[in-house]
Amino acid sequence: MTVDKGNKLARTTLEASVNDKLATDPKLDSGSQKRIGDQLRAMYDELMQQPVPDRFRELLDQLDKKNGAKEGSQ
């Protein structure tokens, strides 16, 4: 067997085993799901409380004005 064929065979075998592992449905117990959900919710709730930066607000206003002008011309 040449080195190229050996490498190709190794890659194919590795890809097949990875695909088999990904194909199985991973299960988390309900406690783990709840803990992950609570942590994600806490992280994103905190993020949502942050004020929108002035620069973003200005860009959104500019987009609204452009969209309003387009709608008015139709």
PDB file of N, CA and C in Angstrom:
ATOM      1  N   MET A   1       0.857  -1.175   0.000  1.00  0.00           N
ATOM      2  CA  MET A   1       0.000   0.000   0.000  1.00  0.00           C
ATOM      3  C   MET A   1       0.895   1.227   0.000  1.00  0.00           C
ATOM      4  N   THR A   2       0.567   2.199  -0.833  1.00  0.00           N
ATOM      5  CA  THR A   2       1.374   3.417  -0.871  1.00  0.00           C
ATOM      6  C   THR A   2       0.963   4.325   0.274  1.00  0.00           C
ATOM      7  N   VAL A   3       1.786   5.326   0.544  1.00  0.00           N
ATOM      8  CA  VAL A   3       1.510   6.264   1.621  1.00  0.00           C
ATOM      9  C   VAL A   3       0.217   7.027   1.349  1.00  0.00           C
ATOM     10  N   ASP A   4       0.005   7.453   0.088  1.00  0.00           N
ATOM     11  CA  ASP A   4      -1.209   8.188  -0.258  1.00  0.00           C
ATOM     12  C   ASP A   4      -2.459   7.362   0.000  1.00  0.00           C
ATOM     13  N   LYS A   5      -2.426   6.089  -0.415  1.00  0.00           N
ATOM     14  CA  LYS A   5      -3.584   5.228  -0.199  1.00  0.00           C
ATOM     15  C   LYS A   5      -3.813   4.996   1.294  1.00  0.00           C
ATOM     16  N   GLY A   6      -2.716   4.829   2.046  1.00  0.00           N
ATOM     17  CA  GLY A   6      -2.831   4.640   3.496  1.00  0.00           C
ATOM     18  C   GLY A   6      -3.433   5.854   4.179  1.00  0.00           C
ATOM     19  N   ASN A   7      -2.988   7.055   3.773  1.00  0.00           N
ATOM     20  CA  ASN A   7      -3.535   8.280   4.349  1.00  0.00           C
ATOM     21  C   ASN A   7      -5.006   8.449   4.009  1.00  0.00           C
ATOM     22  N   LYS A   8      -5.352   8.110   2.751  1.00  0.00           N
ATOM     23  CA  LYS A   8      -6.743   8.230   2.326  1.00  0.00           C
ATOM     24  C   LYS A   8      -7.622   7.267   3.112  1.00  0.00           C
ATOM     25  N   LEU A   9      -7.150   6.057   3.310  1.00  0.00           N
ATOM     26  CA  LEU A   9      -7.889   5.063   4.075  1.00  0.00           C
ATOM     27  C   LEU A   9      -8.060   5.521   5.518  1.00  0.00           C
ATOM     28  N   ALA A  10      -7.027   6.087   6.104  1.00  0.00           N
ATOM     29  CA  ALA A  10      -7.101   6.565   7.490  1.00  0.00           C
ATOM     30  C   ALA A  10      -8.105   7.701   7.603  1.00  0.00           C
ATOM     31  N   ARG A  11      -8.091   8.630   6.629  1.00  0.00           N
ATOM     32  CA  ARG A  11      -9.042   9.747   6.657  1.00  0.00           C
ATOM     33  C   ARG A  11     -10.467   9.240   6.514  1.00  0.00           C
ATOM     34  N   THR A  12     -10.683   8.307   5.597  1.00  0.00           N
ATOM     35  CA  THR A  12     -12.019   7.756   5.363  1.00  0.00           C
ATOM     36  C   THR A  12     -12.525   7.058   6.614  1.00  0.00           C
ATOM     37  N   THR A  13     -11.671   6.285   7.268  1.00  0.00           N
ATOM     38  CA  THR A  13     -12.062   5.576   8.485  1.00  0.00           C
ATOM     39  C   THR A  13     -12.372   6.565   9.595  1.00  0.00           C
ATOM     40  N   LEU A  14     -11.551   7.587   9.744  1.00  0.00           N
ATOM     41  CA  LEU A  14     -11.762   8.601  10.761  1.00  0.00           C
ATOM     42  C   LEU A  14     -13.071   9.355  10.506  1.00  0.00           C
ATOM     43  N   GLU A  15     -13.305   9.765   9.262  1.00  0.00           N
ATOM     44  CA  GLU A  15     -14.535  10.482   8.920  1.00  0.00           C
ATOM     45  C   GLU A  15     -15.757   9.622   9.197  1.00  0.00           C
ATOM     46  N   ALA A  16     -15.678   8.335   8.885  1.00  0.00           N
ATOM     47  CA  ALA A  16     -16.811   7.437   9.119  1.00  0.00           C
ATOM     48  C   ALA A  16     -17.097   7.315  10.607  1.00  0.00           C
ATOM     49  N   SER A  17     -16.053   7.192  11.422  1.00  0.00           N
ATOM     50  CA  SER A  17     -16.288   7.053  12.858  1.00  0.00           C
ATOM     51  C   SER A  17     -16.819   8.352  13.452  1.00  0.00           C
ATOM     52  N   VAL A  18     -16.346   9.492  12.975  1.00  0.00           N
ATOM     53  CA  VAL A  18     -16.862  10.778  13.451  1.00  0.00           C
ATOM     54  C   VAL A  18     -18.321  10.934  13.043  1.00  0.00           C
ATOM     55  N   ASN A  19     -18.652  10.597  11.796  1.00  0.00           N
ATOM     56  CA  ASN A  19     -20.039  10.684  11.330  1.00  0.00           C
ATOM     57  C   ASN A  19     -20.950   9.772  12.132  1.00  0.00           C
ATOM     58  N   ASP A  20     -20.468   8.560  12.483  1.00  0.00           N
ATOM     59  CA  ASP A  20     -21.263   7.646  13.287  1.00  0.00           C
ATOM     60  C   ASP A  20     -21.543   8.239  14.668  1.00  0.00           C
ATOM     61  N   LYS A  21     -20.531   8.857  15.260  1.00  0.00           N
ATOM     62  CA  LYS A  21     -20.716   9.464  16.583  1.00  0.00           C
ATOM     63  C   LYS A  21     -21.678  10.640  16.504  1.00  0.00           C
ATOM     64  N   LEU A  22     -21.593  11.439  15.435  1.00  0.00           N
ATOM     65  CA  LEU A  22     -22.484  12.585  15.290  1.00  0.00           C
ATOM     66  C   LEU A  22     -23.913  12.149  14.988  1.00  0.00           C
ATOM     67  N   ALA A  23     -24.069  10.999  14.367  1.00  0.00           N
ATOM     68  CA  ALA A  23     -25.396  10.525  13.995  1.00  0.00           C
ATOM     69  C   ALA A  23     -26.194  10.082  15.212  1.00  0.00           C
ATOM     70  N   THR A  24     -25.516   9.669  16.286  1.00  0.00           N
ATOM     71  CA  THR A  24     -26.243   9.258  17.476  1.00  0.00           C
ATOM     72  C   THR A  24     -26.793  10.496  18.168  1.00  0.00           C
ATOM     73  N   ASP A  25     -27.938  10.335  18.779  1.00  0.00           N
ATOM     74  CA  ASP A  25     -28.623  11.454  19.426  1.00  0.00           C
ATOM     75  C   ASP A  25     -28.100  11.606  20.852  1.00  0.00           C
ATOM     76  N   PRO A  26     -27.295  12.649  21.114  1.00  0.00           N
ATOM     77  CA  PRO A  26     -26.768  12.817  22.465  1.00  0.00           C
ATOM     78  C   PRO A  26     -27.900  13.185  23.423  1.00  0.00           C
ATOM     79  N   LYS A  27     -27.829  12.678  24.605  1.00  0.00           N
ATOM     80  CA  LYS A  27     -28.870  12.923  25.597  1.00  0.00           C
ATOM     81  C   LYS A  27     -28.264  13.634  26.797  1.00  0.00           C
ATOM     82  N   LEU A  28     -28.976  14.620  27.287  1.00  0.00           N
ATOM     83  CA  LEU A  28     -28.630  15.275  28.540  1.00  0.00           C
ATOM     84  C   LEU A  28     -29.782  15.055  29.497  1.00  0.00           C
ATOM     85  N   ASP A  29     -29.446  14.826  30.753  1.00  0.00           N
ATOM     86  CA  ASP A  29     -30.516  14.670  31.720  1.00  0.00           C
ATOM     87  C   ASP A  29     -31.205  16.020  31.921  1.00  0.00           C
ATOM     88  N   SER A  30     -32.403  15.998  32.432  1.00  0.00           N
ATOM     89  CA  SER A  30     -33.198  17.228  32.544  1.00  0.00           C
ATOM     90  C   SER A  30     -32.539  18.251  33.464  1.00  0.00           C
ATOM     91  N   GLY A  31     -31.816  17.795  34.483  1.00  0.00           N
ATOM     92  CA  GLY A  31     -31.117  18.730  35.373  1.00  0.00           C
ATOM     93  C   GLY A  31     -30.046  19.509  34.637  1.00  0.00           C
ATOM     94  N   SER A  32     -29.285  18.811  33.784  1.00  0.00           N
ATOM     95  CA  SER A  32     -28.236  19.478  33.001  1.00  0.00           C
ATOM     96  C   SER A  32     -28.849  20.446  31.999  1.00  0.00           C
ATOM     97  N   GLN A  33     -29.937  20.032  31.350  1.00  0.00           N
ATOM     98  CA  GLN A  33     -30.617  20.916  30.401  1.00  0.00           C
ATOM     99  C   GLN A  33     -31.112  22.175  31.095  1.00  0.00           C
ATOM    100  N   LYS A  34     -31.683  22.017  32.273  1.00  0.00           N
ATOM    101  CA  LYS A  34     -32.203  23.173  33.013  1.00  0.00           C
ATOM    102  C   LYS A  34     -31.067  24.108  33.416  1.00  0.00           C
ATOM    103  N   ARG A  35     -29.966  23.528  33.909  1.00  0.00           N
ATOM    104  CA  ARG A  35     -28.831  24.347  34.332  1.00  0.00           C
ATOM    105  C   ARG A  35     -28.250  25.123  33.160  1.00  0.00           C
ATOM    106  N   ILE A  36     -28.089  24.480  32.018  1.00  0.00           N
ATOM    107  CA  ILE A  36     -27.569  25.156  30.825  1.00  0.00           C
ATOM    108  C   ILE A  36     -28.544  26.252  30.387  1.00  0.00           C
ATOM    109  N   GLY A  37     -29.834  25.933  30.365  1.00  0.00           N
ATOM    110  CA  GLY A  37     -30.841  26.927  29.983  1.00  0.00           C
ATOM    111  C   GLY A  37     -30.841  28.125  30.908  1.00  0.00           C
ATOM    112  N   ASP A  38     -30.746  27.880  32.211  1.00  0.00           N
ATOM    113  CA  ASP A  38     -30.729  28.982  33.179  1.00  0.00           C
ATOM    114  C   ASP A  38     -29.502  29.865  32.991  1.00  0.00           C
ATOM    115  N   GLN A  39     -28.348  29.233  32.747  1.00  0.00           N
ATOM    116  CA  GLN A  39     -27.121  30.010  32.559  1.00  0.00           C
ATOM    117  C   GLN A  39     -27.177  30.832  31.269  1.00  0.00           C
ATOM    118  N   LEU A  40     -27.673  30.243  30.195  1.00  0.00           N
ATOM    119  CA  LEU A  40     -27.804  30.988  28.937  1.00  0.00           C
ATOM    120  C   LEU A  40     -28.784  32.143  29.095  1.00  0.00           C
ATOM    121  N   ARG A  41     -29.902  31.880  29.748  1.00  0.00           N
ATOM    122  CA  ARG A  41     -30.912  32.912  29.956  1.00  0.00           C
ATOM    123  C   ARG A  41     -30.331  34.075  30.763  1.00  0.00           C
ATOM    124  N   ALA A  42     -29.598  33.750  31.836  1.00  0.00           N
ATOM    125  CA  ALA A  42     -28.985  34.787  32.668  1.00  0.00           C
ATOM    126  C   ALA A  42     -27.985  35.606  31.871  1.00  0.00           C
ATOM    127  N   MET A  43     -27.182  34.939  31.060  1.00  0.00           N
ATOM    128  CA  MET A  43     -26.172  35.638  30.275  1.00  0.00           C
ATOM    129  C   MET A  43     -26.828  36.574  29.257  1.00  0.00           C
ATOM    130  N   TYR A  44     -27.844  36.089  28.554  1.00  0.00           N
ATOM    131  CA  TYR A  44     -28.472  36.903  27.526  1.00  0.00           C
ATOM    132  C   TYR A  44     -29.398  37.959  28.111  1.00  0.00           C
ATOM    133  N   ASP A  45     -30.019  37.688  29.260  1.00  0.00           N
ATOM    134  CA  ASP A  45     -30.832  38.713  29.905  1.00  0.00           C
ATOM    135  C   ASP A  45     -29.969  39.912  30.285  1.00  0.00           C
ATOM    136  N   GLU A  46     -28.777  39.621  30.812  1.00  0.00           N
ATOM    137  CA  GLU A  46     -27.848  40.695  31.168  1.00  0.00           C
ATOM    138  C   GLU A  46     -27.443  41.481  29.923  1.00  0.00           C
ATOM    139  N   LEU A  47     -27.188  40.785  28.835  1.00  0.00           N
ATOM    140  CA  LEU A  47     -26.809  41.430  27.579  1.00  0.00           C
ATOM    141  C   LEU A  47     -27.934  42.332  27.066  1.00  0.00           C
ATOM    142  N   MET A  48     -29.158  41.856  27.177  1.00  0.00           N
ATOM    143  CA  MET A  48     -30.299  42.620  26.663  1.00  0.00           C
ATOM    144  C   MET A  48     -30.547  43.895  27.482  1.00  0.00           C
ATOM    145  N   GLN A  49     -30.035  43.940  28.697  1.00  0.00           N
ATOM    146  CA  GLN A  49     -30.203  45.124  29.542  1.00  0.00           C
ATOM    147  C   GLN A  49     -29.203  46.232  29.194  1.00  0.00           C
ATOM    148  N   GLN A  50     -28.189  45.897  28.408  1.00  0.00           N
ATOM    149  CA  GLN A  50     -27.178  46.883  28.037  1.00  0.00           C
ATOM    150  C   GLN A  50     -27.781  47.901  27.071  1.00  0.00           C
ATOM    151  N   PRO A  51     -27.424  49.170  27.214  1.00  0.00           N
ATOM    152  CA  PRO A  51     -27.954  50.172  26.290  1.00  0.00           C
ATOM    153  C   PRO A  51     -27.360  50.008  24.885  1.00  0.00           C
ATOM    154  N   VAL A  52     -28.115  50.413  23.889  1.00  0.00           N
ATOM    155  CA  VAL A  52     -27.635  50.383  22.509  1.00  0.00           C
ATOM    156  C   VAL A  52     -26.640  51.531  22.339  1.00  0.00           C
ATOM    157  N   PRO A  53     -25.444  51.251  21.833  1.00  0.00           N
ATOM    158  CA  PRO A  53     -24.463  52.324  21.637  1.00  0.00           C
ATOM    159  C   PRO A  53     -25.015  53.406  20.697  1.00  0.00           C
ATOM    160  N   ASP A  54     -24.629  54.643  20.968  1.00  0.00           N
ATOM    161  CA  ASP A  54     -25.114  55.778  20.168  1.00  0.00           C
ATOM    162  C   ASP A  54     -24.842  55.578  18.679  1.00  0.00           C
ATOM    163  N   ARG A  55     -23.696  55.049  18.328  1.00  0.00           N
ATOM    164  CA  ARG A  55     -23.347  54.848  16.915  1.00  0.00           C
ATOM    165  C   ARG A  55     -24.327  53.883  16.251  1.00  0.00           C
ATOM    166  N   PHE A  56     -24.708  52.821  16.949  1.00  0.00           N
ATOM    167  CA  PHE A  56     -25.682  51.882  16.395  1.00  0.00           C
ATOM    168  C   PHE A  56     -27.039  52.554  16.227  1.00  0.00           C
ATOM    169  N   ARG A  57     -27.417  53.352  17.206  1.00  0.00           N
ATOM    170  CA  ARG A  57     -28.698  54.049  17.149  1.00  0.00           C
ATOM    171  C   ARG A  57     -28.738  54.994  15.942  1.00  0.00           C
ATOM    172  N   GLU A  58     -27.612  55.686  15.702  1.00  0.00           N
ATOM    173  CA  GLU A  58     -27.522  56.590  14.548  1.00  0.00           C
ATOM    174  C   GLU A  58     -27.643  55.814  13.235  1.00  0.00           C
ATOM    175  N   LEU A  59     -26.967  54.671  13.155  1.00  0.00           N
ATOM    176  CA  LEU A  59     -27.046  53.859  11.942  1.00  0.00           C
ATOM    177  C   LEU A  59     -28.470  53.344  11.712  1.00  0.00           C
ATOM    178  N   LEU A  60     -29.133  52.928  12.772  1.00  0.00           N
ATOM    179  CA  LEU A  60     -30.517  52.463  12.641  1.00  0.00           C
ATOM    180  C   LEU A  60     -31.437  53.591  12.193  1.00  0.00           C
ATOM    181  N   ASP A  61     -31.213  54.791  12.724  1.00  0.00           N
ATOM    182  CA  ASP A  61     -32.013  55.944  12.291  1.00  0.00           C
ATOM    183  C   ASP A  61     -31.797  56.235  10.807  1.00  0.00           C
ATOM    184  N   GLN A  62     -30.554  56.145  10.349  1.00  0.00           N
ATOM    185  CA  GLN A  62     -30.263  56.378   8.934  1.00  0.00           C
ATOM    186  C   GLN A  62     -30.967  55.341   8.057  1.00  0.00           C
ATOM    187  N   LEU A  63     -30.955  54.088   8.491  1.00  0.00           N
ATOM    188  CA  LEU A  63     -31.636  53.042   7.730  1.00  0.00           C
ATOM    189  C   LEU A  63     -33.141  53.284   7.686  1.00  0.00           C
ATOM    190  N   ASP A  64     -33.706  53.699   8.816  1.00  0.00           N
ATOM    191  CA  ASP A  64     -35.139  53.991   8.856  1.00  0.00           C
ATOM    192  C   ASP A  64     -35.486  55.120   7.885  1.00  0.00           C
ATOM    193  N   LYS A  65     -34.648  56.151   7.841  1.00  0.00           N
ATOM    194  CA  LYS A  65     -34.900  57.271   6.931  1.00  0.00           C
ATOM    195  C   LYS A  65     -34.835  56.823   5.477  1.00  0.00           C
ATOM    196  N   LYS A  66     -33.841  55.988   5.147  1.00  0.00           N
ATOM    197  CA  LYS A  66     -33.712  55.488   3.780  1.00  0.00           C
ATOM    198  C   LYS A  66     -34.906  54.617   3.404  1.00  0.00           C
ATOM    199  N   ASN A  67     -35.332  53.755   4.304  1.00  0.00           N
ATOM    200  CA  ASN A  67     -36.470  52.886   4.040  1.00  0.00           C
ATOM    201  C   ASN A  67     -37.750  53.700   3.918  1.00  0.00           C
ATOM    202  N   GLY A  68     -37.887  54.750   4.694  1.00  0.00           N
ATOM    203  CA  GLY A  68     -39.049  55.626   4.609  1.00  0.00           C
ATOM    204  C   GLY A  68     -39.083  56.361   3.283  1.00  0.00           C
ATOM    205  N   ALA A  69     -37.926  56.791   2.801  1.00  0.00           N
ATOM    206  CA  ALA A  69     -37.856  57.494   1.510  1.00  0.00           C
ATOM    207  C   ALA A  69     -38.196  56.534   0.374  1.00  0.00           C
ATOM    208  N   LYS A  70     -37.752  55.311   0.452  1.00  0.00           N
ATOM    209  CA  LYS A  70     -38.048  54.309  -0.585  1.00  0.00           C
ATOM    210  C   LYS A  70     -39.534  54.010  -0.618  1.00  0.00           C
ATOM    211  N   GLU A  71     -40.146  53.843   0.542  1.00  0.00           N
ATOM    212  CA  GLU A  71     -41.578  53.539   0.598  1.00  0.00           C
ATOM    213  C   GLU A  71     -42.423  54.712   0.086  1.00  0.00           C
ATOM    214  N   GLY A  72     -41.957  55.916   0.371  1.00  0.00           N
ATOM    215  CA  GLY A  72     -42.699  57.109  -0.069  1.00  0.00           C
ATOM    216  C   GLY A  72     -42.619  57.315  -1.553  1.00  0.00           C
ATOM    217  N   SER A  73     -41.563  56.846  -2.220  1.00  0.00           N
ATOM    218  CA  SER A  73     -41.394  57.057  -3.659  1.00  0.00           C
ATOM    219  C   SER A  73     -42.095  56.005  -4.477  1.00  0.00           C
ATOM    220  N   GLN A  74     -42.611  54.955  -3.866  1.00  0.00           N
ATOM    221  CA  GLN A  74     -43.248  53.877  -4.632  1.00  0.00           C
ATOM    222  C   GLN A  74     -44.696  54.112  -4.853  1.00  0.00           C
TER     223      GLN A  74
END
